[in-house]
Amino acid sequence: MEKRRSEMRKITASLAMVAILAVTGMAEAGGYTVTNLGSGGAYAINSKGQIVGSNANGYAVLFSNGTATDLGWYNNTLGTGTNFIKTTMTINNSNQVVGTSYNSGVYSALLFDNGTVTNLGANLGNNSWATSINDLGQVVGKANGMATLYSNGTVTTLGTLGGTKGKADCITNSGQIVGASSTIGDTEQHATLWNNGTVTDLGTLGGTHSTAYNINDAGQAVGYSTISGDITHHAALYSNGTVTDLGTLGGSNSVANIINNKGQVVGNFTTADGSTTHAALWSNGTAIDLNSLVNAASGWVLLSANDINDSGQIVGNGIFNGQKEAFLLTPTPIPAAAWLMGSGLIGLLGFRRKQNNL
């Protein structure tokens, strides 16, 4: 009898561990609730759940605690004409926002900080872009065709892989920067890492063109790369000197926009018939169409996932009842008890108990 009880305890413990592992995995893809952020776009979300995007007129907007605040970037003093924000907006955890404004043929890198708008590219000629800001207030982007770092009032031009062109797309709190730069002769553009004065070629998936849009604190970067022949491009992960093809979910092209500190990646891919794009999540080695994780009756078609924070919240753009709208996805993990019931593990545990009573 005692032997049977001992065996039962081992079986129960094993099944419990299986259940925990299964629920943990399912929680990452248990589904999402969708919040409609209105007409325009949603481009970035910080760890506090604050979101930056644009309204229907293309003007910069901050979404925080259910309130949308017009950042007013089009009222700055860059000159006459209508200014609008480009889609390279990001927000750090100090509520500082960067992006790019357009005015009468001029692109200008801008910083929004507590109601003040600063033209970061005021002394850099006609065109500058701001693409990322870390929690230290350091900003990266592009100016005069070269990757650029804006820090403490100083503008630094970053190096290239031998060519004359570059762009910086993301900077971490430790100062690692990723983007892309051209090789000798400017015939190829490769994903690039700038770290402590060293410029590193992150490689390609066999083609001549690649870029890295984002990097997490572990040094994992994501973006896309053309494959051999340069006809199509695939979402790519750059890690420890290796370039990994993340796949296309059946379409011809895909791109990875962001990787969070849990290794979750979001982006988009072209559908198999090539008619549109769908938002994608890559998690634990699996590629998922995010449309499969929201209520099919919601009225949404999720086109692109632009950012994901470490809580798993995702922002992007889609179609809601035929209209272009911005969205926020909030994870809704499957409760453990519900998963156990659905999986039949509760029944299996009960069967084992009955066996023990024979």
Protein backbone atom coordinates (compact mmCIF):
# COMPACT_ATOMS: atom_id res chain seq x y z
CA MET A 1 0.00 0.00 0.00
CA GLU A 2 2.76 2.46 0.96
CA LYS A 3 4.56 1.65 -2.30
CA ARG A 4 1.42 2.52 -4.25
CA ARG A 5 1.04 5.76 -2.35
CA SER A 6 4.64 6.66 -3.09
CA GLU A 7 4.10 5.95 -6.78
CA MET A 8 0.94 8.02 -6.71
CA ARG A 9 2.76 10.98 -5.20
CA LYS A 10 5.43 10.79 -7.92
CA ILE A 11 2.80 10.58 -10.67
CA THR A 12 0.85 13.50 -9.20
CA ALA A 13 3.99 15.63 -8.90
CA SER A 14 5.01 14.81 -12.47
CA LEU A 15 1.59 15.65 -13.85
CA ALA A 16 1.50 18.87 -11.84
CA MET A 17 4.85 19.89 -13.29
CA VAL A 18 3.62 19.10 -16.81
CA ALA A 19 0.55 21.22 -16.12
CA ILE A 20 2.65 24.14 -14.84
CA LEU A 21 4.95 24.02 -17.83
CA ALA A 22 2.03 23.73 -20.22
CA VAL A 23 0.15 26.62 -18.63
CA THR A 24 3.30 28.75 -18.63
CA GLY A 25 3.71 28.17 -22.34
CA MET A 26 0.03 28.69 -23.06
CA ALA A 27 -0.04 31.93 -21.05
CA GLU A 28 2.21 33.58 -23.61
CA ALA A 29 -0.25 32.79 -26.39
CA GLY A 30 -3.48 32.48 -24.44
CA GLY A 31 -5.08 35.29 -26.41
CA TYR A 32 -5.40 39.06 -26.34
CA THR A 33 -8.04 41.66 -25.74
CA VAL A 34 -8.06 44.50 -28.28
CA THR A 35 -8.35 48.17 -27.39
CA ASN A 36 -9.16 50.58 -30.22
CA LEU A 37 -6.89 53.63 -30.00
CA GLY A 38 -8.67 55.43 -32.82
CA SER A 39 -7.78 56.54 -36.32
CA GLY A 40 -4.07 56.96 -36.95
CA GLY A 41 -1.18 54.77 -35.84
CA ALA A 42 0.40 53.31 -32.69
CA TYR A 43 4.17 52.98 -32.92
CA ALA A 44 5.71 52.43 -29.48
CA ILE A 45 4.82 51.48 -25.91
CA ASN A 46 6.96 51.79 -22.76
CA SER A 47 7.00 49.62 -19.64
CA LYS A 48 4.31 51.84 -18.05
CA GLY A 49 1.90 51.11 -20.88
CA GLN A 50 2.16 54.63 -22.31
CA ILE A 51 1.83 54.69 -26.08
CA VAL A 52 2.91 57.14 -28.76
CA GLY A 53 1.36 57.33 -32.17
CA SER A 54 -0.44 59.68 -34.50
CA ASN A 55 -4.01 60.81 -35.01
CA ALA A 56 -6.01 60.89 -38.23
CA ASN A 57 -4.21 64.11 -39.27
CA GLY A 58 -0.77 62.59 -38.77
CA TYR A 59 0.01 64.62 -35.65
CA ALA A 60 1.85 63.10 -32.69
CA VAL A 61 -0.29 61.75 -29.84
CA LEU A 62 0.50 60.29 -26.41
CA PHE A 63 -1.96 57.71 -25.03
CA SER A 64 -1.73 57.46 -21.23
CA ASN A 65 -4.29 56.18 -18.69
CA GLY A 66 -7.05 56.25 -21.26
CA THR A 67 -6.36 59.82 -22.35
CA ALA A 68 -4.98 60.91 -25.72
CA THR A 69 -2.80 64.04 -25.56
CA ASP A 70 -1.82 65.96 -28.67
CA LEU A 71 1.92 66.53 -28.38
CA GLY A 72 1.67 69.63 -30.50
CA TRP A 73 4.75 68.99 -32.60
CA TYR A 74 3.14 70.62 -35.61
CA ASN A 75 3.03 73.95 -33.70
CA ASN A 76 6.79 74.20 -33.34
CA THR A 77 8.97 76.90 -34.86
CA LEU A 78 10.48 74.94 -37.72
CA GLY A 79 9.06 77.35 -40.26
CA THR A 80 5.89 77.74 -42.25
CA GLY A 81 3.74 74.96 -43.61
CA THR A 82 2.15 71.90 -42.08
CA ASN A 83 4.28 69.68 -39.88
CA PHE A 84 3.53 66.06 -39.19
CA ILE A 85 5.23 63.28 -37.32
CA LYS A 86 6.72 60.30 -39.11
CA THR A 87 6.24 56.73 -37.95
CA THR A 88 9.66 56.39 -36.30
CA MET A 89 8.37 57.56 -32.92
CA THR A 90 9.55 56.00 -29.65
CA ILE A 91 9.01 56.71 -25.95
CA ASN A 92 11.27 55.93 -22.99
CA ASN A 93 10.28 55.28 -19.37
CA SER A 94 10.80 58.96 -18.49
CA ASN A 95 7.98 59.96 -20.86
CA GLN A 96 10.39 61.51 -23.35
CA VAL A 97 9.34 61.02 -26.96
CA VAL A 98 11.34 61.33 -30.16
CA GLY A 99 10.29 61.34 -33.77
CA THR A 100 10.63 63.18 -37.04
CA SER A 101 8.71 66.20 -38.32
CA TYR A 102 8.32 67.26 -41.91
CA ASN A 103 8.00 70.87 -43.01
CA SER A 104 8.32 72.34 -46.49
CA GLY A 105 10.72 69.68 -47.75
CA VAL A 106 12.73 69.47 -44.52
CA TYR A 107 12.83 66.53 -42.11
CA SER A 108 13.81 67.39 -38.52
CA ALA A 109 14.67 65.14 -35.57
CA LEU A 110 12.55 66.22 -32.58
CA LEU A 111 12.50 65.57 -28.85
CA PHE A 112 9.33 66.10 -26.80
CA ASP A 113 10.05 66.49 -23.07
CA ASN A 114 7.47 67.76 -20.56
CA GLY A 115 5.78 70.04 -23.03
CA THR A 116 8.96 71.33 -24.65
CA VAL A 117 9.85 70.47 -28.24
CA THR A 118 13.54 70.53 -29.18
CA ASN A 119 14.78 70.40 -32.77
CA LEU A 120 17.72 68.01 -32.39
CA GLY A 121 18.85 68.52 -35.94
CA ALA A 122 18.80 72.34 -35.95
CA ASN A 123 22.48 72.58 -36.87
CA LEU A 124 22.74 69.51 -39.10
CA GLY A 125 21.52 70.87 -42.40
CA ASN A 126 18.22 70.18 -44.06
CA ASN A 127 17.46 66.61 -43.04
CA SER A 128 17.70 64.68 -39.79
CA TRP A 129 15.71 61.84 -38.24
CA ALA A 130 15.26 60.61 -34.64
CA THR A 131 14.35 56.96 -34.25
CA SER A 132 15.03 55.85 -30.65
CA ILE A 133 15.61 57.23 -27.14
CA ASN A 134 16.86 55.31 -24.10
CA ASP A 135 16.09 56.00 -20.44
CA LEU A 136 19.22 58.18 -20.18
CA GLY A 137 17.87 60.56 -22.81
CA GLN A 138 20.34 59.50 -25.50
CA VAL A 139 18.83 59.62 -28.98
CA VAL A 140 19.87 57.94 -32.22
CA GLY A 141 18.80 58.42 -35.80
CA LYS A 142 20.21 59.70 -39.04
CA ALA A 143 21.55 63.03 -40.27
CA ASN A 144 23.03 63.90 -43.64
CA GLY A 145 22.82 60.26 -44.66
CA MET A 146 24.82 58.92 -41.69
CA ALA A 147 23.94 57.13 -38.45
CA THR A 148 23.87 59.69 -35.65
CA LEU A 149 23.92 59.83 -31.85
CA TYR A 150 22.48 62.83 -29.99
CA SER A 151 23.71 62.93 -26.38
CA ASN A 152 23.95 65.79 -23.87
CA GLY A 153 23.77 68.40 -26.59
CA THR A 154 26.49 66.77 -28.68
CA VAL A 155 25.95 65.18 -32.08
CA THR A 156 28.22 62.27 -33.00
CA THR A 157 28.37 60.68 -36.43
CA LEU A 158 28.75 56.91 -36.15
CA GLY A 159 30.97 54.86 -38.42
CA THR A 160 30.01 52.54 -41.27
CA LEU A 161 31.05 49.17 -42.66
CA GLY A 162 33.29 50.89 -45.19
CA GLY A 163 30.68 52.79 -47.17
CA THR A 164 29.28 56.30 -46.95
CA LYS A 165 25.73 55.72 -45.66
CA GLY A 166 24.17 54.60 -42.41
CA LYS A 167 21.20 54.87 -40.05
CA ALA A 168 20.76 54.06 -36.37
CA ASP A 169 17.40 52.62 -35.29
CA CYS A 170 17.70 51.70 -31.60
CA ILE A 171 19.82 52.45 -28.53
CA THR A 172 19.78 50.50 -25.25
CA ASN A 173 20.40 51.90 -21.77
CA SER A 174 23.90 50.39 -21.93
CA GLY A 175 24.63 52.34 -25.13
CA GLN A 176 24.47 49.52 -27.68
CA ILE A 177 23.14 50.83 -30.99
CA VAL A 178 21.82 48.91 -33.98
CA GLY A 179 20.76 49.91 -37.46
CA ALA A 180 22.33 49.49 -40.86
CA SER A 181 25.25 50.85 -42.86
CA SER A 182 26.73 50.40 -46.29
CA THR A 183 29.76 48.37 -47.21
CA ILE A 184 32.66 49.51 -49.41
CA GLY A 185 31.32 50.98 -52.65
CA ASP A 186 27.84 51.34 -51.14
CA THR A 187 26.69 48.28 -53.10
CA GLU A 188 25.41 46.45 -50.03
CA GLN A 189 23.72 47.46 -46.78
CA HIS A 190 24.12 45.22 -43.74
CA ALA A 191 22.64 45.20 -40.25
CA THR A 192 25.11 46.95 -37.98
CA LEU A 193 25.98 47.08 -34.27
CA TRP A 194 27.80 50.06 -32.74
CA ASN A 195 29.23 49.29 -29.30
CA ASN A 196 31.97 51.18 -27.44
CA GLY A 197 33.44 52.60 -30.63
CA THR A 198 33.41 49.29 -32.50
CA VAL A 199 31.35 48.82 -35.66
CA THR A 200 30.22 45.22 -36.27
CA ASP A 201 28.63 43.69 -39.36
CA LEU A 202 25.71 41.55 -38.12
CA GLY A 203 25.42 39.74 -41.45
CA THR A 204 22.57 38.71 -43.76
CA LEU A 205 20.49 35.66 -44.67
CA GLY A 206 22.37 35.31 -47.95
CA GLY A 207 21.25 38.50 -49.65
CA THR A 208 22.97 41.85 -49.96
CA HIS A 209 20.60 43.90 -47.81
CA SER A 210 19.78 43.64 -44.11
CA THR A 211 18.93 45.91 -41.21
CA ALA A 212 18.45 45.69 -37.44
CA TYR A 213 15.54 47.71 -36.09
CA ASN A 214 15.76 46.88 -32.40
CA ILE A 215 17.99 45.33 -29.73
CA ASN A 216 17.16 44.14 -26.20
CA ASP A 217 19.25 44.25 -23.03
CA ALA A 218 20.65 40.77 -23.76
CA GLY A 219 22.15 41.97 -27.04
CA GLN A 220 19.62 40.16 -29.26
CA ALA A 221 18.71 42.24 -32.29
CA VAL A 222 15.92 41.85 -34.85
CA GLY A 223 15.07 43.25 -38.24
CA TYR A 224 15.02 41.71 -41.68
CA SER A 225 17.33 40.48 -44.40
CA THR A 226 16.99 39.67 -48.04
CA ILE A 227 17.70 36.07 -48.92
CA SER A 228 19.85 34.91 -51.82
CA GLY A 229 18.76 36.68 -54.98
CA ASP A 230 17.39 39.71 -53.08
CA ILE A 231 13.85 39.10 -54.35
CA THR A 232 12.28 38.50 -50.93
CA HIS A 233 13.14 39.43 -47.36
CA HIS A 234 12.59 37.54 -44.11
CA ALA A 235 12.37 38.55 -40.47
CA ALA A 236 15.78 37.99 -38.89
CA LEU A 237 17.23 37.51 -35.42
CA TYR A 238 20.86 38.55 -34.85
CA SER A 239 22.38 36.90 -31.78
CA ASN A 240 25.90 35.84 -30.81
CA GLY A 241 27.23 36.20 -34.34
CA THR A 242 24.44 34.12 -35.89
CA VAL A 243 21.63 35.29 -38.18
CA THR A 244 18.44 33.25 -37.79
CA ASP A 245 15.61 33.25 -40.32
CA LEU A 246 12.37 33.69 -38.33
CA GLY A 247 10.20 32.61 -41.24
CA THR A 248 7.27 34.14 -43.10
CA LEU A 249 4.18 32.17 -41.95
CA GLY A 250 3.49 31.10 -45.53
CA GLY A 251 3.92 34.43 -47.28
CA SER A 252 6.85 35.69 -49.30
CA ASN A 253 8.09 38.46 -46.99
CA SER A 254 8.27 39.23 -43.28
CA VAL A 255 9.89 41.75 -40.97
CA ALA A 256 10.65 41.79 -37.23
CA ASN A 257 10.20 45.21 -35.66
CA ILE A 258 10.89 44.75 -31.94
CA ILE A 259 12.29 42.21 -29.45
CA ASN A 260 11.57 42.61 -25.74
CA ASN A 261 13.71 41.44 -22.84
CA LYS A 262 11.81 38.13 -22.70
CA GLY A 263 12.84 37.37 -26.27
CA GLN A 264 9.36 37.90 -27.73
CA VAL A 265 9.43 39.41 -31.20
CA VAL A 266 6.68 41.22 -33.11
CA GLY A 267 6.40 42.40 -36.68
CA ASN A 268 4.40 41.49 -39.76
CA PHE A 269 4.33 39.18 -42.76
CA THR A 270 2.66 39.11 -46.16
CA THR A 271 -0.24 36.68 -46.42
CA ALA A 272 0.07 33.62 -48.64
CA ASP A 273 -1.93 35.25 -51.45
CA GLY A 274 0.15 38.43 -51.17
CA SER A 275 -2.92 40.63 -50.82
CA THR A 276 -2.09 42.20 -47.43
CA THR A 277 0.05 41.92 -44.31
CA HIS A 278 -0.77 40.41 -40.93
CA ALA A 279 0.72 41.18 -37.52
CA ALA A 280 3.04 38.46 -36.22
CA LEU A 281 4.43 37.23 -32.91
CA TRP A 282 7.51 35.02 -32.62
CA SER A 283 7.76 33.38 -29.20
CA ASN A 284 9.63 30.30 -27.96
CA GLY A 285 10.60 29.35 -31.50
CA THR A 286 7.04 29.55 -32.81
CA ALA A 287 5.69 32.04 -35.36
CA ILE A 288 2.07 33.05 -34.79
CA ASP A 289 -0.41 35.16 -36.75
CA LEU A 290 -1.72 37.53 -34.05
CA ASN A 291 -5.12 37.51 -35.72
CA SER A 292 -5.50 33.93 -34.49
CA LEU A 293 -5.15 35.11 -30.87
CA VAL A 294 -7.99 37.66 -30.84
CA ASN A 295 -11.73 37.09 -30.95
CA ALA A 296 -12.65 36.30 -34.55
CA ALA A 297 -15.87 38.27 -34.09
CA SER A 298 -14.04 41.41 -32.90
CA GLY A 299 -14.16 43.08 -36.32
CA TRP A 300 -10.37 43.49 -36.40
CA VAL A 301 -7.74 42.59 -38.97
CA LEU A 302 -4.36 43.20 -37.37
CA LEU A 303 -1.95 44.35 -40.09
CA SER A 304 1.28 45.20 -38.26
CA ALA A 305 2.67 44.86 -34.73
CA ASN A 306 5.04 47.76 -34.10
CA ASP A 307 6.15 47.32 -30.48
CA ILE A 308 5.92 44.98 -27.48
CA ASN A 309 6.89 45.77 -23.89
CA ASP A 310 8.14 43.31 -21.27
CA SER A 311 4.57 42.82 -19.99
CA GLY A 312 3.62 41.48 -23.40
CA GLN A 313 1.44 44.45 -24.41
CA ILE A 314 1.54 45.00 -28.17
CA VAL A 315 0.70 48.08 -30.23
CA GLY A 316 0.20 48.35 -33.94
CA ASN A 317 -2.07 49.19 -36.81
CA GLY A 318 -5.00 47.37 -38.34
CA ILE A 319 -8.43 47.52 -39.90
CA PHE A 320 -11.50 47.72 -37.66
CA ASN A 321 -14.84 47.28 -39.40
CA GLY A 322 -13.29 48.50 -42.64
CA GLN A 323 -11.49 51.54 -41.14
CA LYS A 324 -7.78 52.00 -40.48
CA GLU A 325 -7.24 52.16 -36.72
CA ALA A 326 -4.48 51.83 -34.11
CA PHE A 327 -4.70 49.05 -31.55
CA LEU A 328 -3.39 47.89 -28.17
CA LEU A 329 -3.29 44.15 -27.44
CA THR A 330 -3.32 43.09 -23.78
CA PRO A 331 -2.47 39.44 -22.95
CA THR A 332 -5.25 37.34 -21.43
CA PRO A 333 -3.57 34.12 -20.20
CA ILE A 334 -5.65 30.97 -19.98
CA PRO A 335 -6.47 30.20 -16.30
CA ALA A 336 -4.68 27.10 -15.05
CA ALA A 337 -7.87 25.38 -13.93
CA ALA A 338 -9.54 25.95 -17.28
CA TRP A 339 -6.54 24.60 -19.13
CA LEU A 340 -6.36 21.53 -16.91
CA MET A 341 -10.05 20.81 -17.46
CA GLY A 342 -9.74 21.24 -21.19
CA SER A 343 -6.63 19.11 -21.40
CA GLY A 344 -8.09 16.23 -19.45
CA LEU A 345 -5.33 16.31 -16.83
CA ILE A 346 -7.86 16.70 -14.02
CA GLY A 347 -9.59 13.57 -15.25
CA LEU A 348 -6.27 11.73 -15.47
CA LEU A 349 -5.39 12.69 -11.92
CA GLY A 350 -8.80 11.44 -10.78
CA PHE A 351 -8.27 8.18 -12.63
CA ARG A 352 -4.94 7.64 -10.87
CA ARG A 353 -6.57 8.26 -7.48
CA LYS A 354 -9.26 5.66 -8.25
CA GLN A 355 -6.56 3.17 -9.21
CA ASN A 356 -4.90 3.72 -5.88
CA ASN A 357 -8.14 2.80 -4.08
CA LEU A 358 -8.51 -0.61 -5.80
